[in-house]
Amino acid sequence: MLTKSNMKWVLILVLMLGLLRHYILKNALNKRR
């Protein structure tokens, strides 16, 4: 079950994963040039 504290950690994880994907995509685009 998701409690409010668990929701906070899930949101943080999602944000971190989004940032990681963003940086990986940026690096891939830079390498391609």
PDB file of N, CA and C in Angstrom:
ATOM      1  N   MET A   1       0.844  -1.205   0.000  1.00  0.00           N
ATOM      2  CA  MET A   1       0.000   0.000   0.000  1.00  0.00           C
ATOM      3  C   MET A   1       0.875   1.250   0.000  1.00  0.00           C
ATOM      4  N   LEU A   2       0.441   2.258  -0.720  1.00  0.00           N
ATOM      5  CA  LEU A   2       1.208   3.501  -0.793  1.00  0.00           C
ATOM      6  C   LEU A   2       0.743   4.470   0.288  1.00  0.00           C
ATOM      7  N   THR A   3       1.659   4.776   1.201  1.00  0.00           N
ATOM      8  CA  THR A   3       1.349   5.816   2.182  1.00  0.00           C
ATOM      9  C   THR A   3       1.889   7.139   1.654  1.00  0.00           C
ATOM     10  N   LYS A   4       1.611   8.227   2.363  1.00  0.00           N
ATOM     11  CA  LYS A   4       2.086   9.532   1.874  1.00  0.00           C
ATOM     12  C   LYS A   4       3.604   9.570   1.826  1.00  0.00           C
ATOM     13  N   SER A   5       4.262   8.983   2.822  1.00  0.00           N
ATOM     14  CA  SER A   5       5.734   8.997   2.815  1.00  0.00           C
ATOM     15  C   SER A   5       6.263   8.176   1.638  1.00  0.00           C
ATOM     16  N   ASN A   6       5.607   7.058   1.339  1.00  0.00           N
ATOM     17  CA  ASN A   6       6.040   6.243   0.196  1.00  0.00           C
ATOM     18  C   ASN A   6       5.852   7.010  -1.104  1.00  0.00           C
ATOM     19  N   MET A   7       4.743   7.740  -1.227  1.00  0.00           N
ATOM     20  CA  MET A   7       4.484   8.524  -2.440  1.00  0.00           C
ATOM     21  C   MET A   7       5.600   9.531  -2.659  1.00  0.00           C
ATOM     22  N   LYS A   8       6.071  10.150  -1.555  1.00  0.00           N
ATOM     23  CA  LYS A   8       7.157  11.132  -1.667  1.00  0.00           C
ATOM     24  C   LYS A   8       8.395  10.480  -2.256  1.00  0.00           C
ATOM     25  N   TRP A   9       8.761   9.300  -1.766  1.00  0.00           N
ATOM     26  CA  TRP A   9       9.953   8.613  -2.281  1.00  0.00           C
ATOM     27  C   TRP A   9       9.755   8.193  -3.726  1.00  0.00           C
ATOM     28  N   VAL A  10       8.541   7.759  -4.077  1.00  0.00           N
ATOM     29  CA  VAL A  10       8.268   7.360  -5.468  1.00  0.00           C
ATOM     30  C   VAL A  10       8.442   8.564  -6.387  1.00  0.00           C
ATOM     31  N   LEU A  11       7.929   9.726  -5.974  1.00  0.00           N
ATOM     32  CA  LEU A  11       8.074  10.935  -6.791  1.00  0.00           C
ATOM     33  C   LEU A  11       9.543  11.288  -6.961  1.00  0.00           C
ATOM     34  N   ILE A  12      10.325  11.197  -5.877  1.00  0.00           N
ATOM     35  CA  ILE A  12      11.762  11.508  -5.954  1.00  0.00           C
ATOM     36  C   ILE A  12      12.447  10.550  -6.922  1.00  0.00           C
ATOM     37  N   LEU A  13      12.124   9.263  -6.842  1.00  0.00           N
ATOM     38  CA  LEU A  13      12.738   8.276  -7.745  1.00  0.00           C
ATOM     39  C   LEU A  13      12.388   8.585  -9.192  1.00  0.00           C
ATOM     40  N   VAL A  14      11.118   8.913  -9.448  1.00  0.00           N
ATOM     41  CA  VAL A  14      10.689   9.221 -10.821  1.00  0.00           C
ATOM     42  C   VAL A  14      11.441  10.445 -11.343  1.00  0.00           C
ATOM     43  N   LEU A  15      11.575  11.473 -10.486  1.00  0.00           N
ATOM     44  CA  LEU A  15      12.297  12.680 -10.912  1.00  0.00           C
ATOM     45  C   LEU A  15      13.748  12.357 -11.229  1.00  0.00           C
ATOM     46  N   MET A  16      14.398  11.563 -10.373  1.00  0.00           N
ATOM     47  CA  MET A  16      15.806  11.215 -10.600  1.00  0.00           C
ATOM     48  C   MET A  16      15.951  10.409 -11.882  1.00  0.00           C
ATOM     49  N   LEU A  17      15.041   9.462 -12.120  1.00  0.00           N
ATOM     50  CA  LEU A  17      15.106   8.664 -13.353  1.00  0.00           C
ATOM     51  C   LEU A  17      14.922   9.559 -14.567  1.00  0.00           C
ATOM     52  N   GLY A  18      14.014  10.520 -14.473  1.00  0.00           N
ATOM     53  CA  GLY A  18      13.791  11.445 -15.585  1.00  0.00           C
ATOM     54  C   GLY A  18      15.045  12.258 -15.878  1.00  0.00           C
ATOM     55  N   LEU A  19      15.715  12.732 -14.805  1.00  0.00           N
ATOM     56  CA  LEU A  19      16.947  13.503 -15.007  1.00  0.00           C
ATOM     57  C   LEU A  19      18.022  12.636 -15.632  1.00  0.00           C
ATOM     58  N   LEU A  20      18.159  11.394 -15.154  1.00  0.00           N
ATOM     59  CA  LEU A  20      19.164  10.481 -15.713  1.00  0.00           C
ATOM     60  C   LEU A  20      18.917  10.266 -17.193  1.00  0.00           C
ATOM     61  N   ARG A  21      17.668   9.992 -17.566  1.00  0.00           N
ATOM     62  CA  ARG A  21      17.347   9.760 -18.973  1.00  0.00           C
ATOM     63  C   ARG A  21      17.660  11.007 -19.795  1.00  0.00           C
ATOM     64  N   HIS A  22      17.349  12.181 -19.242  1.00  0.00           N
ATOM     65  CA  HIS A  22      17.609  13.437 -19.946  1.00  0.00           C
ATOM     66  C   HIS A  22      19.107  13.591 -20.220  1.00  0.00           C
ATOM     67  N   TYR A  23      19.946  13.333 -19.193  1.00  0.00           N
ATOM     68  CA  TYR A  23      21.391  13.477 -19.375  1.00  0.00           C
ATOM     69  C   TYR A  23      21.923  12.444 -20.354  1.00  0.00           C
ATOM     70  N   ILE A  24      21.429  11.210 -20.269  1.00  0.00           N
ATOM     71  CA  ILE A  24      21.892  10.152 -21.183  1.00  0.00           C
ATOM     72  C   ILE A  24      21.543  10.525 -22.617  1.00  0.00           C
ATOM     73  N   LEU A  25      20.321  11.021 -22.834  1.00  0.00           N
ATOM     74  CA  LEU A  25      19.919  11.420 -24.193  1.00  0.00           C
ATOM     75  C   LEU A  25      20.787  12.571 -24.682  1.00  0.00           C
ATOM     76  N   LYS A  26      21.081  13.537 -23.803  1.00  0.00           N
ATOM     77  CA  LYS A  26      21.920  14.666 -24.203  1.00  0.00           C
ATOM     78  C   LYS A  26      23.314  14.187 -24.582  1.00  0.00           C
ATOM     79  N   ASN A  27      23.873  13.275 -23.787  1.00  0.00           N
ATOM     80  CA  ASN A  27      25.208  12.746 -24.090  1.00  0.00           C
ATOM     81  C   ASN A  27      25.199  11.988 -25.406  1.00  0.00           C
ATOM     82  N   ALA A  28      24.162  11.210 -25.647  1.00  0.00           N
ATOM     83  CA  ALA A  28      24.071  10.438 -26.893  1.00  0.00           C
ATOM     84  C   ALA A  28      24.016  11.390 -28.089  1.00  0.00           C
ATOM     85  N   LEU A  29      23.236  12.470 -27.959  1.00  0.00           N
ATOM     86  CA  LEU A  29      23.137  13.431 -29.066  1.00  0.00           C
ATOM     87  C   LEU A  29      24.482  14.112 -29.297  1.00  0.00           C
ATOM     88  N   ASN A  30      25.179  14.445 -28.209  1.00  0.00           N
ATOM     89  CA  ASN A  30      26.481  15.099 -28.359  1.00  0.00           C
ATOM     90  C   ASN A  30      27.490  14.163 -29.006  1.00  0.00           C
ATOM     91  N   LYS A  31      27.475  12.892 -28.647  1.00  0.00           N
ATOM     92  CA  LYS A  31      28.421  11.929 -29.228  1.00  0.00           C
ATOM     93  C   LYS A  31      28.150  11.728 -30.715  1.00  0.00           C
ATOM     94  N   ARG A  32      26.880  11.812 -31.109  1.00  0.00           N
ATOM     95  CA  ARG A  32      26.526  11.545 -32.500  1.00  0.00           C
ATOM     96  C   ARG A  32      27.116  12.617 -33.422  1.00  0.00           C
ATOM     97  N   ARG A  33      27.257  13.859 -32.916  1.00  0.00           N
ATOM     98  CA  ARG A  33      27.752  14.938 -33.780  1.00  0.00           C
ATOM     99  C   ARG A  33      29.196  14.723 -34.177  1.00  0.00           C
TER     100      ARG A  33
END
